[in-house]
Every structure is written in C-alpha cells, then in structure tokens.
Amino acid sequence: MSEQTSIPADPELDPTASYATDQSVIRRLSGLLRATAGTRTSYAPATGQPVAELPVSGPDDVVAAVRSARRTQRGWRTTALADRAAILLRYHDLVLDHRHELVDLVILESGKARKQAFEEVAHVALTARYYGRKAAELLGPQRKLGVFPVLTRAEQRFVPKGVVGIISPWNYPLSMAVADGLPAVLAGNTVVHKPDSQTPLTALRAIELLYEAGLPRDAWQPVNGDGPTVGGAIIQNADYVCFTGSTKTGRLIAQQAGERLIGCSLELGGKNPMLVLRDADVQRAAEGAVRACFNSAGQLCVSIERLYVADQVYDAFVTAFLDRVKKLKLSAGTGWDVDLGSLVSKAQLETVSRHVEDARAKGAVVLAGGRARPDLGALFYEPTVLSGVTPEMECFDQETFGPVVSLYRFSDESEAIERANEGDYGLNASVWTRDGRRGRAIAAQLVAGTVNVNEGYGATFGSIDTPMGGMRSSGLGRRQGVEGIRRYVDPQAIATQRLLPVAASHGIDDETYAELMTGVLRLLKKLGRS
C-alpha cells in the first residue's frame, strides 16, 4: 500500500470517513434488538456516509422474540383497554415533542427532504390519537340482533390474534414502522417487527419512545436483518403478518401465510394515475401534481406516475407544471428549502435510469429532467417528465418508484377513466376539478383503494378514519379506520338464550315446531325486523 492511500481520510473532506451518528446513541438503540447473527453497517443514501453498525438477527432470534412476545401477550390482552389507549395518547405527545430528532433520522436513513419527512411525524401522531380516542368504539363489545326478540341476547366481542409480525419498508421508515403496529397493540396483541435493513434506526427510536409511553418492552420486539431470512422467520412463527412492499414479495408472503392459515395484510405496488379534468384550476392542479409525483423523490407507494390531462387545459397545465418542476431544489441539504432528496439505493437509481433511457430510446420526449446528478451525490436523479410514452416502454405500466411521471392527453372523460383503470394495480388515484360532486362521481369509477379529489395523496393518507389499501395487485386488507384495527382481531359471537331453546320443547313435536317457526318468521318480516 502506498503512503498516500494509507493516510486516514479527512472527515471534513470525505463523508465516508466517519459515522454520521453519535455512537453512544447507536449503542443504546442496538440494545433494543434481539440479534446474535453478526453485524451490518447501514449508509446514508444522500452522502454515502456510514450511519451505524448494528447487530443482525437470525431465525433463532425471531423464534425467541415470538416466544417472548407470546408470553407477554397473555397478560397484555387482559390490560384494561383504557390503559392501552392511554399509552397511545402519551405516545402522540412524545412523537411531537421529539419531532426534530425523528425527522433528522428519517432524512439521514432515507435521503428524503425535510418537509416530506415531517409528513411521517404528523401521520404517526394522527394515528396514535385516532386509535387512542376511538378504542372503546372500535373494540368494545357490541350488541347484535338475536334470533328471537327478548329471548335471545347476542353480542360480538373481539379477540386479539396473538403475535403480529410487521415487516416495514424503507420509504416510510417512521410512519410505516409504527402506524401499523399501534392498532395491533391497542387491540391486545404483541408485535415482532422487522424494519427495513436500510432504515433501522428510525424505527428503533420510535419503538424506544413507545416504551417511554408505557408499552411493556416485550410487547414490541424489533429484529434486524434481510427479508428472506428474518422476514421469512416472522412469517413462519407469527399469528398474523402485516407487510408493506413490492407486489412480488407480497405474493410470496400471501402464499406462505395461506399455507399456515394465518391472516395477512399487504400494501403493495402501484402505477397511480391523476386525472386533470377540463374544469380544473390549472395552477392548483399543477402545484398538486408536483407534490404527488415528486415528494420523497417519487418513492412513495401512493406517488402519481401517470398524468391524464384534458385537451381543454393540456397546454396551460403542462406549462404550469413544467415551470414548477424545473424550479424544484434537488439537494443533499437538510433544510426546509429542499424539495427533493436522493433515491435510497443503487438499485432504485438503476431502475429509474433504465426506465427513462428505455422510453427515450423508443421515442418518448423528455420534457424535464432525465438524468442522474452525481455532482450532488451518488443516488440523485432529476425530477423527470415524459410525453409520448407508449405500451412497449417499460415505464408505461411498470412501477418506476422514482421521480418520473408520464403525461397523456385525453379528449373524453370516459376514455380517461378507462385508461386510468388499465393495468394490474389499484392503489391510489387523483382527480382535479372545480366541481367536487363531479370529481367524487368520477372517483367512484376508478379502480383504486384511495382516490383523492383536488389532492394527490395527502387527503386520504391523513384521514385516519378512512381505510387505506389496494385493489387488484396492489394488496390485501386495509390500514387506518375500523378496518385497520379489526384486521388484528377475531370476532367472537356470544349469545345467551332465555326461557325457551331454539328447538322444539314443552311437548311440541318437530313438525309443529317447524310450522310455528314459519309463522314467527313471517311475523318478524311483517314487523320490519332484520
């Protein structure tokens, strides 16, 4: 080795020369992990700087975590619902109190801009408050109609599944790390959680705050490692699985869960469309499209990748949209003025570059962007707008999951709806119009689990009382709302019969009983009973 190469790198000049984090914090967070299978170093995508060397879990660690979580769950499920809800409400305040620290971790590990990182803080707080306030309404015993009025008392209760396995993604390292687990623990389950191995610190700090809010430590146990090994062990041992990620992986998880006859909820890929109608406010639509397409560098499951614009406003919209896109600030900085950060990995950069170059080679026109920016960092790519995209191009119907959107003109709204509904996905969609009623009518015709009128994704994402999830190949099950917590419980029916059995009795033979029952059923219908 030469003398020059043996000199240690200068941290002021080389971001890879030292860790980006306080190592005392790393040691503290590492202690939360059940992990005995070596170590792994994570890196900041925006700078390439090492973030942390964390212990890695193996299958045995997962088995031990599930076993411990199952023991804890027996007592946790008997904890008063009001006490469980109080933990979520305390967590709401803790998350907001530590918002700057959490946002910094999201930026560091995912590369996204500060304004988009804060969305995750807000979403977690909204989720904690919603379920904390709604606990009794969503999980309390419910009276049901009995077979006979007065004689039959029927009710429904909710029994927790047991141990919920959560496998969360890198693109929402805070929100998806905890928002799915909050209703799970509120419902009386315990959690074994594998955050993505690219973004473990954000999840660990969020879990640590849950402990501070009062959640028993063994009620939420994090493990760390790759998907096939650690995620696979979770699927083989948990009582329910919640996964957010690719459609390809989701299909495998569904198959494995089906073999064990356990439930799963899966939020998967999308090729999300936006429709700008002829009466849309062009300036508002253009501003909304910028957020919907390029927030988090387009690496959101709900990001818009297809823009369908009516003839009457096409030219004006494109002018307004491109003007905004070309002014976006792409930077590794951490201030509020940054509009786009980096992509998260080399694999994401390669996919984005391949889709754009394939489209360009086959005749698409690049109206904005269209190139990587290694001068800013190894994983930066400009916000890119394409026109002339055709079915033979990869980006036509394949999810890019990056800062790339395709523009299409339409003259007939029924045609636009049909084109928006093409393909295998059905996660998110957006409609822009000055007429809210008309927008909702068109939204109802779109095959998507969430549709936002005059917003890209934030209206449904932030409305925690509404369900969120995909249709077709975009997933199974829902987060948020009543569906988001009922997925973690088994409904149990309890009925108490008074005075008379639901059978022939008191000397009445079966044939006479059948005739009496026929008369009773006719009478109940006549009285309007369900």
Protein backbone atom coordinates (compact mmCIF):
# COMPACT_ATOMS: atom_id res chain seq x y z
CA MET A 1 0.00 0.00 0.00
CA SER A 2 1.35 3.44 -0.88
CA GLU A 3 1.98 6.11 1.71
CA GLN A 4 -0.80 8.24 0.25
CA THR A 5 -3.51 5.57 0.44
CA SER A 6 -2.54 4.61 3.98
CA ILE A 7 -3.33 8.06 5.35
CA PRO A 8 -6.77 8.09 7.08
CA ALA A 9 -9.42 10.04 5.21
CA ASP A 10 -10.24 13.51 6.48
CA PRO A 11 -13.87 13.55 7.78
CA GLU A 12 -14.21 17.20 6.76
CA LEU A 13 -13.49 16.30 3.14
CA ASP A 14 -14.70 12.70 2.87
CA PRO A 15 -18.17 11.92 4.27
CA THR A 16 -17.38 8.20 4.30
CA ALA A 17 -14.50 8.69 6.76
CA SER A 18 -16.60 8.67 9.94
CA TYR A 19 -20.04 7.72 11.21
CA ALA A 20 -22.87 10.19 10.76
CA THR A 21 -24.35 9.42 14.16
CA ASP A 22 -23.46 9.62 17.82
CA GLN A 23 -22.19 6.14 18.59
CA SER A 24 -23.45 6.28 22.17
CA VAL A 25 -26.95 6.61 20.71
CA ILE A 26 -26.27 3.68 18.39
CA ARG A 27 -25.19 1.51 21.30
CA ARG A 28 -28.33 2.40 23.22
CA LEU A 29 -30.64 1.63 20.30
CA SER A 30 -28.73 -1.55 19.48
CA GLY A 31 -29.69 -2.80 22.91
CA LEU A 32 -33.34 -2.91 21.84
CA LEU A 33 -32.63 -5.56 19.21
CA ARG A 34 -32.79 -9.29 19.71
CA ALA A 35 -29.86 -10.08 17.42
CA THR A 36 -26.99 -12.59 17.64
CA ALA A 37 -26.05 -13.25 14.00
CA GLY A 38 -23.26 -10.76 13.31
CA THR A 39 -23.38 -7.09 12.36
CA ARG A 40 -24.30 -4.96 9.37
CA THR A 41 -23.40 -1.35 8.52
CA SER A 42 -26.01 1.00 7.07
CA TYR A 43 -25.19 4.09 5.00
CA ALA A 44 -26.82 7.45 4.37
CA PRO A 45 -28.05 7.40 0.75
CA ALA A 46 -27.58 11.14 0.22
CA THR A 47 -23.91 11.22 1.24
CA GLY A 48 -22.67 7.64 1.38
CA GLN A 49 -21.60 8.23 4.98
CA PRO A 50 -21.81 5.21 7.30
CA VAL A 51 -24.71 5.60 9.72
CA ALA A 52 -24.45 2.68 12.11
CA GLU A 53 -23.11 -0.80 12.57
CA LEU A 54 -25.97 -2.76 14.10
CA PRO A 55 -26.30 -6.38 15.20
CA VAL A 56 -28.16 -8.69 12.82
CA SER A 57 -30.83 -11.19 13.81
CA GLY A 58 -31.10 -14.78 12.72
CA PRO A 59 -34.06 -17.20 12.62
CA ASP A 60 -33.37 -18.31 16.19
CA ASP A 61 -33.62 -14.71 17.36
CA VAL A 62 -37.00 -14.39 15.69
CA VAL A 63 -38.25 -17.61 17.29
CA ALA A 64 -37.10 -16.36 20.70
CA ALA A 65 -38.73 -12.95 20.12
CA VAL A 66 -42.05 -14.53 19.14
CA ARG A 67 -41.92 -16.87 22.13
CA SER A 68 -41.29 -13.97 24.49
CA ALA A 69 -43.96 -11.82 22.80
CA ARG A 70 -46.47 -14.64 23.14
CA ARG A 71 -45.81 -14.93 26.88
CA THR A 72 -46.21 -11.17 27.27
CA GLN A 73 -49.38 -11.15 25.21
CA ARG A 74 -51.23 -13.36 27.68
CA GLY A 75 -51.02 -10.59 30.26
CA TRP A 76 -51.17 -7.65 27.85
CA ARG A 77 -54.53 -8.72 26.42
CA THR A 78 -56.05 -8.52 29.92
CA THR A 79 -54.79 -4.96 30.45
CA ALA A 80 -57.74 -2.58 30.52
CA LEU A 81 -58.48 -1.13 27.10
CA ALA A 82 -58.48 2.36 28.57
CA ASP A 83 -54.95 1.82 29.88
CA ARG A 84 -53.75 0.63 26.48
CA ALA A 85 -55.38 3.64 24.84
CA ALA A 86 -53.67 5.99 27.31
CA ILE A 87 -50.29 4.72 26.11
CA LEU A 88 -51.13 5.72 22.53
CA LEU A 89 -52.23 9.18 23.65
CA ARG A 90 -48.99 9.67 25.57
CA TYR A 91 -47.12 8.44 22.52
CA HIS A 92 -48.86 11.10 20.41
CA ASP A 93 -47.27 13.79 22.57
CA LEU A 94 -43.86 12.14 22.71
CA VAL A 95 -43.67 11.87 18.93
CA LEU A 96 -44.48 15.55 18.55
CA ASP A 97 -42.05 16.50 21.32
CA HIS A 98 -39.24 14.60 19.55
CA ARG A 99 -40.27 15.58 16.01
CA HIS A 100 -36.95 17.24 15.12
CA GLU A 101 -34.92 14.22 16.16
CA LEU A 102 -37.24 11.83 14.32
CA VAL A 103 -37.23 13.95 11.16
CA ASP A 104 -33.43 14.05 11.23
CA LEU A 105 -33.30 10.26 11.41
CA VAL A 106 -35.74 9.89 8.52
CA ILE A 107 -33.64 12.25 6.39
CA LEU A 108 -30.41 10.50 7.34
CA GLU A 109 -31.60 6.98 6.58
CA SER A 110 -33.94 7.51 3.62
CA GLY A 111 -32.48 10.58 1.89
CA LYS A 112 -35.85 12.33 1.66
CA ALA A 113 -36.36 16.07 2.11
CA ARG A 114 -37.28 17.54 5.50
CA LYS A 115 -40.76 18.70 4.51
CA GLN A 116 -41.66 15.17 3.40
CA ALA A 117 -40.02 13.59 6.46
CA PHE A 118 -42.28 15.70 8.67
CA GLU A 119 -45.32 14.14 6.98
CA GLU A 120 -44.34 10.90 8.70
CA VAL A 121 -44.28 12.51 12.14
CA ALA A 122 -47.71 14.00 11.54
CA HIS A 123 -49.10 10.69 10.28
CA VAL A 124 -47.86 8.77 13.32
CA ALA A 125 -49.31 11.36 15.69
CA LEU A 126 -52.65 11.32 13.87
CA THR A 127 -52.74 7.52 14.01
CA ALA A 128 -51.91 7.36 17.72
CA ARG A 129 -54.54 9.97 18.59
CA TYR A 130 -57.23 8.42 16.41
CA TYR A 131 -56.93 4.92 17.82
CA GLY A 132 -56.35 6.20 21.35
CA ARG A 133 -59.61 8.16 21.21
CA LYS A 134 -61.62 5.52 19.31
CA ALA A 135 -60.53 2.46 21.30
CA ALA A 136 -63.80 1.78 23.11
CA GLU A 137 -65.90 2.42 20.00
CA LEU A 138 -63.82 0.13 17.78
CA LEU A 139 -63.06 -2.68 20.23
CA GLY A 140 -65.81 -2.62 22.85
CA PRO A 141 -68.49 -5.37 22.98
CA GLN A 142 -71.32 -4.79 20.50
CA ARG A 143 -74.95 -5.85 20.92
CA LYS A 144 -76.39 -7.73 17.95
CA LEU A 145 -79.85 -8.91 16.96
CA GLY A 146 -80.70 -12.26 18.48
CA VAL A 147 -82.70 -14.95 16.74
CA PHE A 148 -85.74 -14.19 18.97
CA PRO A 149 -86.52 -10.71 20.33
CA VAL A 150 -86.16 -10.54 24.13
CA LEU A 151 -85.46 -14.27 24.39
CA THR A 152 -82.02 -14.14 22.74
CA ARG A 153 -79.26 -11.77 23.76
CA ALA A 154 -76.46 -11.72 21.14
CA GLU A 155 -73.22 -9.78 21.26
CA GLN A 156 -69.92 -9.60 19.45
CA ARG A 157 -66.52 -9.35 21.09
CA PHE A 158 -63.06 -9.00 19.61
CA VAL A 159 -60.28 -11.46 20.44
CA PRO A 160 -56.68 -10.42 19.64
CA LYS A 161 -54.81 -12.60 17.15
CA GLY A 162 -51.75 -13.04 19.38
CA VAL A 163 -48.33 -12.09 17.99
CA VAL A 164 -48.42 -9.78 14.97
CA GLY A 165 -45.41 -9.80 12.66
CA ILE A 166 -44.73 -6.46 10.97
CA ILE A 167 -42.31 -6.11 8.05
CA SER A 168 -41.99 -2.41 7.26
CA PRO A 169 -40.38 -0.62 4.29
CA TRP A 170 -37.59 1.92 3.85
CA ASN A 171 -39.62 4.57 2.05
CA TYR A 172 -41.70 5.43 5.15
CA PRO A 173 -39.13 4.49 7.82
CA LEU A 174 -41.09 6.13 10.64
CA SER A 175 -44.73 6.05 9.58
CA MET A 176 -44.92 2.50 8.29
CA ALA A 177 -42.66 1.31 11.11
CA VAL A 178 -45.18 2.16 13.82
CA ALA A 179 -48.54 3.22 12.33
CA ASP A 180 -49.50 -0.40 11.56
CA GLY A 181 -48.38 -1.63 14.97
CA LEU A 182 -50.23 0.93 17.10
CA PRO A 183 -53.69 -0.56 16.46
CA ALA A 184 -52.22 -4.05 16.85
CA VAL A 185 -51.02 -3.44 20.41
CA LEU A 186 -54.14 -1.44 21.26
CA ALA A 187 -56.20 -4.50 20.28
CA GLY A 188 -54.28 -6.64 22.79
CA ASN A 189 -51.68 -8.17 20.51
CA THR A 190 -47.91 -8.03 20.83
CA VAL A 191 -45.58 -7.26 17.94
CA VAL A 192 -42.38 -8.68 16.48
CA HIS A 193 -41.13 -6.13 13.98
CA LYS A 194 -38.52 -6.18 11.22
CA PRO A 195 -37.87 -2.69 9.89
CA ASP A 196 -36.09 -2.48 6.56
CA SER A 197 -32.37 -3.07 6.98
CA GLN A 198 -31.62 0.23 5.23
CA THR A 199 -33.57 2.29 7.78
CA PRO A 200 -33.47 0.54 11.18
CA LEU A 201 -32.51 3.49 13.42
CA THR A 202 -35.68 5.49 12.79
CA ALA A 203 -37.80 2.51 13.76
CA LEU A 204 -35.71 1.75 16.84
CA ARG A 205 -36.00 5.31 18.14
CA ALA A 206 -39.76 5.27 17.52
CA ILE A 207 -40.05 1.98 19.42
CA GLU A 208 -37.98 3.38 22.26
CA LEU A 209 -40.48 6.23 22.58
CA LEU A 210 -43.27 3.65 22.78
CA TYR A 211 -41.54 2.10 25.78
CA GLU A 212 -41.29 5.57 27.29
CA ALA A 213 -45.03 5.99 26.76
CA GLY A 214 -45.63 2.91 28.88
CA LEU A 215 -45.72 -0.04 26.49
CA PRO A 216 -44.12 -3.16 28.05
CA ARG A 217 -40.79 -3.79 26.38
CA ASP A 218 -41.58 -7.35 25.33
CA ALA A 219 -44.86 -6.20 23.78
CA TRP A 220 -42.99 -4.79 20.76
CA GLN A 221 -39.73 -6.51 19.88
CA PRO A 222 -37.58 -5.35 16.96
CA VAL A 223 -35.33 -7.67 14.98
CA ASN A 224 -32.89 -6.67 12.25
CA GLY A 225 -31.81 -8.36 9.03
CA ASP A 226 -32.62 -9.24 5.46
CA GLY A 227 -36.11 -10.03 4.24
CA PRO A 228 -35.79 -13.66 3.17
CA THR A 229 -34.08 -14.76 6.41
CA VAL A 230 -35.60 -12.62 9.14
CA GLY A 231 -38.86 -11.76 7.40
CA GLY A 232 -39.31 -15.40 6.45
CA ALA A 233 -38.88 -16.47 10.06
CA ILE A 234 -41.51 -13.95 11.17
CA ILE A 235 -44.00 -15.33 8.64
CA GLN A 236 -43.35 -18.87 9.87
CA ASN A 237 -43.90 -18.02 13.54
CA ALA A 238 -46.28 -15.06 13.94
CA ASP A 239 -50.07 -15.32 14.21
CA TYR A 240 -50.70 -12.54 11.67
CA VAL A 241 -48.44 -10.71 9.22
CA CYS A 242 -48.53 -7.08 8.10
CA PHE A 243 -46.28 -6.25 5.13
CA THR A 244 -45.67 -3.14 3.04
CA GLY A 245 -43.50 -3.55 -0.05
CA SER A 246 -43.37 -4.93 -3.55
CA THR A 247 -46.13 -6.93 -5.21
CA LYS A 248 -43.66 -9.72 -6.00
CA THR A 249 -42.75 -10.19 -2.34
CA GLY A 250 -46.36 -9.72 -1.27
CA ARG A 251 -47.46 -12.67 -3.38
CA LEU A 252 -44.88 -14.89 -1.67
CA ILE A 253 -46.00 -13.75 1.77
CA ALA A 254 -49.65 -14.38 0.93
CA GLN A 255 -48.77 -17.88 -0.21
CA GLN A 256 -46.78 -18.63 2.95
CA ALA A 257 -49.46 -17.18 5.21
CA GLY A 258 -52.10 -19.20 3.38
CA GLU A 259 -50.18 -22.40 3.97
CA ARG A 260 -50.26 -21.69 7.72
CA LEU A 261 -53.89 -20.49 7.63
CA ILE A 262 -52.98 -17.17 9.22
CA GLY A 263 -54.18 -13.77 8.06
CA CYS A 264 -52.11 -11.08 6.38
CA SER A 265 -52.50 -7.51 5.19
CA LEU A 266 -50.37 -6.40 2.27
CA GLU A 267 -49.90 -2.92 0.86
CA LEU A 268 -48.07 -3.42 -2.40
CA GLY A 269 -47.13 -1.62 -5.62
CA GLY A 270 -48.97 0.94 -7.70
CA LYS A 271 -48.91 2.75 -11.03
CA ASN A 272 -51.04 5.58 -9.77
CA PRO A 273 -52.97 7.89 -12.15
CA MET A 274 -54.04 11.52 -11.84
CA LEU A 275 -56.87 12.96 -13.95
CA VAL A 276 -56.90 16.71 -14.61
CA LEU A 277 -60.39 17.48 -15.92
CA ARG A 278 -61.37 20.26 -18.31
CA ASP A 279 -62.69 22.49 -15.49
CA ALA A 280 -59.70 22.05 -13.18
CA ASP A 281 -57.94 25.02 -11.62
CA VAL A 282 -54.75 24.65 -13.66
CA GLN A 283 -52.43 26.34 -11.19
CA ARG A 284 -53.72 24.34 -8.21
CA ALA A 285 -53.58 21.13 -10.21
CA ALA A 286 -50.01 21.79 -11.33
CA GLU A 287 -48.90 22.52 -7.77
CA GLY A 288 -50.66 19.40 -6.50
CA ALA A 289 -49.15 17.28 -9.25
CA VAL A 290 -45.63 18.35 -8.29
CA ARG A 291 -46.20 17.16 -4.72
CA ALA A 292 -47.95 13.98 -5.80
CA CYS A 293 -45.29 12.99 -8.32
CA PHE A 294 -42.06 14.08 -6.66
CA ASN A 295 -42.45 14.07 -2.89
CA SER A 296 -39.83 11.73 -1.44
CA ALA A 297 -38.31 11.59 -4.95
CA GLY A 298 -41.33 9.64 -6.14
CA GLN A 299 -40.54 6.76 -3.78
CA LEU A 300 -43.98 6.59 -2.19
CA CYS A 301 -46.37 3.72 -2.80
CA VAL A 302 -49.04 6.37 -3.48
CA SER A 303 -46.90 8.54 -5.81
CA ILE A 304 -48.51 9.58 -9.09
CA GLU A 305 -46.72 8.12 -12.14
CA ARG A 306 -49.37 8.79 -14.84
CA LEU A 307 -50.90 12.20 -15.60
CA TYR A 308 -54.01 12.30 -17.83
CA VAL A 309 -54.89 15.86 -18.79
CA ALA A 310 -57.97 17.10 -20.69
CA ASP A 311 -57.45 18.72 -24.10
CA GLN A 312 -59.04 21.97 -22.95
CA VAL A 313 -56.37 22.61 -20.29
CA TYR A 314 -53.48 20.47 -21.52
CA ASP A 315 -51.19 23.20 -22.82
CA ALA A 316 -51.79 25.51 -19.87
CA PHE A 317 -51.32 22.68 -17.38
CA VAL A 318 -48.10 21.43 -18.97
CA THR A 319 -46.65 24.94 -18.98
CA ALA A 320 -47.53 25.49 -15.32
CA PHE A 321 -46.37 22.01 -14.30
CA LEU A 322 -43.01 22.15 -16.08
CA ASP A 323 -42.35 25.63 -14.76
CA ARG A 324 -42.68 24.29 -11.21
CA VAL A 325 -40.76 21.07 -11.87
CA LYS A 326 -37.77 22.93 -13.27
CA LYS A 327 -37.63 25.12 -10.16
CA LEU A 328 -37.53 22.22 -7.69
CA LYS A 329 -34.45 22.21 -5.50
CA LEU A 330 -32.65 18.88 -5.59
CA SER A 331 -30.10 18.70 -2.78
CA ALA A 332 -28.42 16.67 -0.06
CA GLY A 333 -29.13 19.52 2.32
CA THR A 334 -31.36 19.05 5.35
CA GLY A 335 -33.17 22.40 5.40
CA TRP A 336 -36.82 23.16 4.77
CA ASP A 337 -35.96 24.70 1.40
CA VAL A 338 -35.03 21.34 -0.17
CA ASP A 339 -37.73 19.91 -2.43
CA LEU A 340 -36.18 16.56 -3.41
CA GLY A 341 -33.60 14.40 -1.75
CA SER A 342 -31.84 11.35 -3.07
CA LEU A 343 -33.01 7.93 -4.08
CA VAL A 344 -32.48 5.33 -1.40
CA SER A 345 -30.21 2.83 -3.14
CA LYS A 346 -28.21 1.98 -6.22
CA ALA A 347 -30.94 -0.47 -7.25
CA GLN A 348 -33.56 2.31 -7.24
CA LEU A 349 -31.28 4.57 -9.28
CA GLU A 350 -30.70 1.80 -11.81
CA THR A 351 -34.44 1.21 -12.22
CA VAL A 352 -35.18 4.91 -12.71
CA SER A 353 -32.34 5.34 -15.21
CA ARG A 354 -33.33 2.21 -17.14
CA HIS A 355 -36.98 3.28 -17.43
CA VAL A 356 -36.08 6.76 -18.67
CA GLU A 357 -33.45 5.57 -21.15
CA ASP A 358 -35.76 2.84 -22.46
CA ALA A 359 -38.52 5.39 -23.01
CA ARG A 360 -36.15 7.85 -24.66
CA ALA A 361 -34.74 5.17 -26.98
CA LYS A 362 -38.25 4.16 -28.08
CA GLY A 363 -39.37 7.68 -28.93
CA ALA A 364 -40.60 9.33 -25.73
CA VAL A 365 -39.78 13.01 -25.25
CA VAL A 366 -38.11 14.19 -22.05
CA LEU A 367 -39.79 17.48 -21.14
CA ALA A 368 -37.86 17.96 -17.90
CA GLY A 369 -35.06 16.19 -16.06
CA GLY A 370 -33.99 12.85 -17.46
CA ARG A 371 -30.55 12.47 -15.93
CA ALA A 372 -28.71 11.40 -12.81
CA ARG A 373 -26.90 14.04 -10.77
CA PRO A 374 -23.67 12.54 -9.44
CA ASP A 375 -22.44 16.06 -8.77
CA LEU A 376 -24.92 16.19 -5.90
CA GLY A 377 -24.42 12.64 -4.69
CA ALA A 378 -24.25 9.09 -5.97
CA LEU A 379 -28.01 8.48 -5.81
CA PHE A 380 -29.58 11.70 -7.06
CA TYR A 381 -31.84 11.83 -10.13
CA GLU A 382 -33.64 14.85 -11.53
CA PRO A 383 -37.43 15.10 -11.41
CA THR A 384 -38.40 13.85 -14.84
CA VAL A 385 -41.46 14.43 -17.04
CA LEU A 386 -42.04 12.32 -20.17
CA SER A 387 -44.51 12.61 -23.03
CA GLY A 388 -45.17 10.21 -25.87
CA VAL A 389 -44.92 7.13 -23.63
CA THR A 390 -46.32 4.05 -25.40
CA PRO A 391 -47.16 0.48 -24.29
CA GLU A 392 -43.87 -1.03 -25.46
CA MET A 393 -41.93 1.16 -22.99
CA GLU A 394 -41.11 -0.23 -19.56
CA CYS A 395 -42.40 2.82 -17.72
CA PHE A 396 -45.82 2.57 -19.38
CA ASP A 397 -47.23 0.02 -16.96
CA GLN A 398 -44.33 -0.98 -14.69
CA GLU A 399 -43.91 0.81 -11.38
CA THR A 400 -40.83 3.07 -11.54
CA PHE A 401 -40.89 4.13 -7.88
CA GLY A 402 -38.83 7.20 -8.57
CA PRO A 403 -39.11 10.83 -9.74
CA VAL A 404 -40.58 10.01 -13.16
CA VAL A 405 -44.07 10.79 -14.47
CA SER A 406 -45.64 10.33 -17.93
CA LEU A 407 -48.04 12.86 -19.48
CA TYR A 408 -51.06 11.81 -21.57
CA ARG A 409 -53.69 13.95 -23.29
CA PHE A 410 -57.38 12.94 -23.41
CA SER A 411 -60.49 14.36 -25.04
CA ASP A 412 -63.20 12.20 -23.49
CA GLU A 413 -63.55 11.60 -19.74
CA SER A 414 -64.86 8.07 -20.15
CA GLU A 415 -61.71 7.31 -22.16
CA ALA A 416 -59.55 8.84 -19.42
CA ILE A 417 -61.25 6.71 -16.76
CA GLU A 418 -60.74 3.59 -18.87
CA ARG A 419 -57.05 4.38 -19.40
CA ALA A 420 -56.54 5.17 -15.72
CA ASN A 421 -58.03 1.79 -14.82
CA GLU A 422 -55.74 -0.16 -17.17
CA GLY A 423 -53.13 -2.48 -15.71
CA ASP A 424 -52.93 -4.77 -12.70
CA TYR A 425 -52.58 -2.18 -9.95
CA GLY A 426 -55.15 -0.24 -7.95
CA LEU A 427 -53.63 1.63 -5.03
CA ASN A 428 -54.10 5.40 -5.29
CA ALA A 429 -55.59 7.87 -7.77
CA SER A 430 -56.29 11.59 -8.00
CA VAL A 431 -58.94 13.74 -9.72
CA TRP A 432 -58.78 17.51 -10.21
CA THR A 433 -61.90 19.59 -10.92
CA ARG A 434 -63.68 22.71 -9.68
CA ASP A 435 -66.83 20.62 -9.16
CA GLY A 436 -66.41 18.46 -6.09
CA ARG A 437 -69.56 16.43 -6.73
CA ARG A 438 -68.46 15.63 -10.26
CA GLY A 439 -64.98 14.76 -9.01
CA ARG A 440 -66.40 12.30 -6.48
CA ALA A 441 -68.57 10.71 -9.15
CA ILE A 442 -65.54 10.10 -11.34
CA ALA A 443 -63.50 8.96 -8.35
CA ALA A 444 -66.10 6.26 -7.69
CA GLN A 445 -65.41 4.82 -11.17
CA LEU A 446 -61.66 4.44 -10.61
CA VAL A 447 -60.21 1.10 -9.55
CA ALA A 448 -58.13 2.26 -6.60
CA GLY A 449 -58.27 1.76 -2.86
CA THR A 450 -57.89 5.50 -2.25
CA VAL A 451 -58.92 8.36 -4.54
CA ASN A 452 -58.16 12.00 -3.72
CA VAL A 453 -60.17 14.83 -5.24
CA ASN A 454 -58.12 18.03 -5.61
CA GLU A 455 -55.20 16.46 -3.73
CA GLY A 456 -52.57 13.91 -4.73
CA TYR A 457 -52.48 11.55 -1.76
CA GLY A 458 -52.48 13.58 1.46
CA ALA A 459 -56.25 13.83 1.95
CA THR A 460 -56.82 10.08 2.23
CA PHE A 461 -53.43 9.38 3.84
CA GLY A 462 -54.12 11.91 6.60
CA SER A 463 -57.78 10.99 7.13
CA ILE A 464 -57.14 8.16 9.60
CA ASP A 465 -60.86 7.38 9.91
CA THR A 466 -60.87 6.20 6.29
CA PRO A 467 -59.37 2.86 5.18
CA MET A 468 -56.21 2.81 3.08
CA GLY A 469 -55.05 -0.07 0.89
CA GLY A 470 -55.00 -1.50 -2.59
CA MET A 471 -57.21 -3.30 -5.06
CA ARG A 472 -56.09 -5.97 -7.53
CA SER A 473 -52.31 -6.47 -7.42
CA SER A 474 -51.85 -3.51 -5.06
CA GLY A 475 -52.63 -5.55 -2.00
CA LEU A 476 -54.97 -7.15 0.51
CA GLY A 477 -56.56 -5.65 3.60
CA ARG A 478 -56.54 -2.09 4.86
CA ARG A 479 -54.71 0.12 7.33
CA GLN A 480 -56.46 3.01 9.10
CA GLY A 481 -60.06 3.30 10.21
CA VAL A 482 -62.08 0.46 11.68
CA GLU A 483 -60.61 -1.96 9.12
CA GLY A 484 -57.10 -1.06 10.25
CA ILE A 485 -57.68 -2.40 13.76
CA ARG A 486 -60.23 -5.15 13.11
CA ARG A 487 -57.69 -6.98 10.95
CA TYR A 488 -55.82 -7.77 14.17
CA VAL A 489 -58.73 -9.41 15.97
CA ASP A 490 -61.03 -12.40 15.53
CA PRO A 491 -64.71 -11.55 16.01
CA GLN A 492 -66.33 -13.77 18.59
CA ALA A 493 -70.12 -14.21 18.85
CA ILE A 494 -71.66 -14.85 22.27
CA ALA A 495 -75.40 -15.50 22.52
CA THR A 496 -77.45 -16.13 25.68
CA GLN A 497 -80.81 -17.86 25.31
CA ARG A 498 -83.61 -17.24 27.83
CA LEU A 499 -86.68 -19.32 28.73
CA LEU A 500 -87.07 -21.31 25.50
CA PRO A 501 -84.48 -23.25 23.48
CA VAL A 502 -84.06 -22.73 19.76
CA ALA A 503 -85.68 -26.11 19.20
CA ALA A 504 -88.92 -27.98 19.79
CA SER A 505 -89.81 -28.10 23.51
CA HIS A 506 -92.60 -28.33 26.09
CA GLY A 507 -94.13 -31.34 24.35
CA ILE A 508 -94.28 -29.72 20.90
CA ASP A 509 -93.17 -32.14 18.18
CA ASP A 510 -90.69 -31.15 15.49
CA GLU A 511 -93.27 -30.79 12.73
CA THR A 512 -95.44 -28.48 14.80
CA TYR A 513 -92.35 -26.52 15.84
CA ALA A 514 -91.44 -26.04 12.18
CA GLU A 515 -94.91 -24.65 11.44
CA LEU A 516 -94.75 -22.33 14.45
CA MET A 517 -91.34 -21.11 13.38
CA THR A 518 -92.64 -20.43 9.87
CA GLY A 519 -95.35 -18.22 11.34
CA VAL A 520 -92.87 -16.42 13.60
CA LEU A 521 -90.52 -15.75 10.70
CA ARG A 522 -93.36 -14.29 8.61
CA LEU A 523 -94.45 -12.11 11.53
CA LEU A 524 -90.96 -10.79 12.17
CA LYS A 525 -90.63 -9.81 8.50
CA LYS A 526 -94.02 -8.07 8.64
CA LEU A 527 -92.86 -6.15 11.71
CA GLY A 528 -89.81 -4.93 9.81
CA ARG A 529 -87.21 -6.88 11.78
CA SER A 530 -83.91 -7.57 10.03
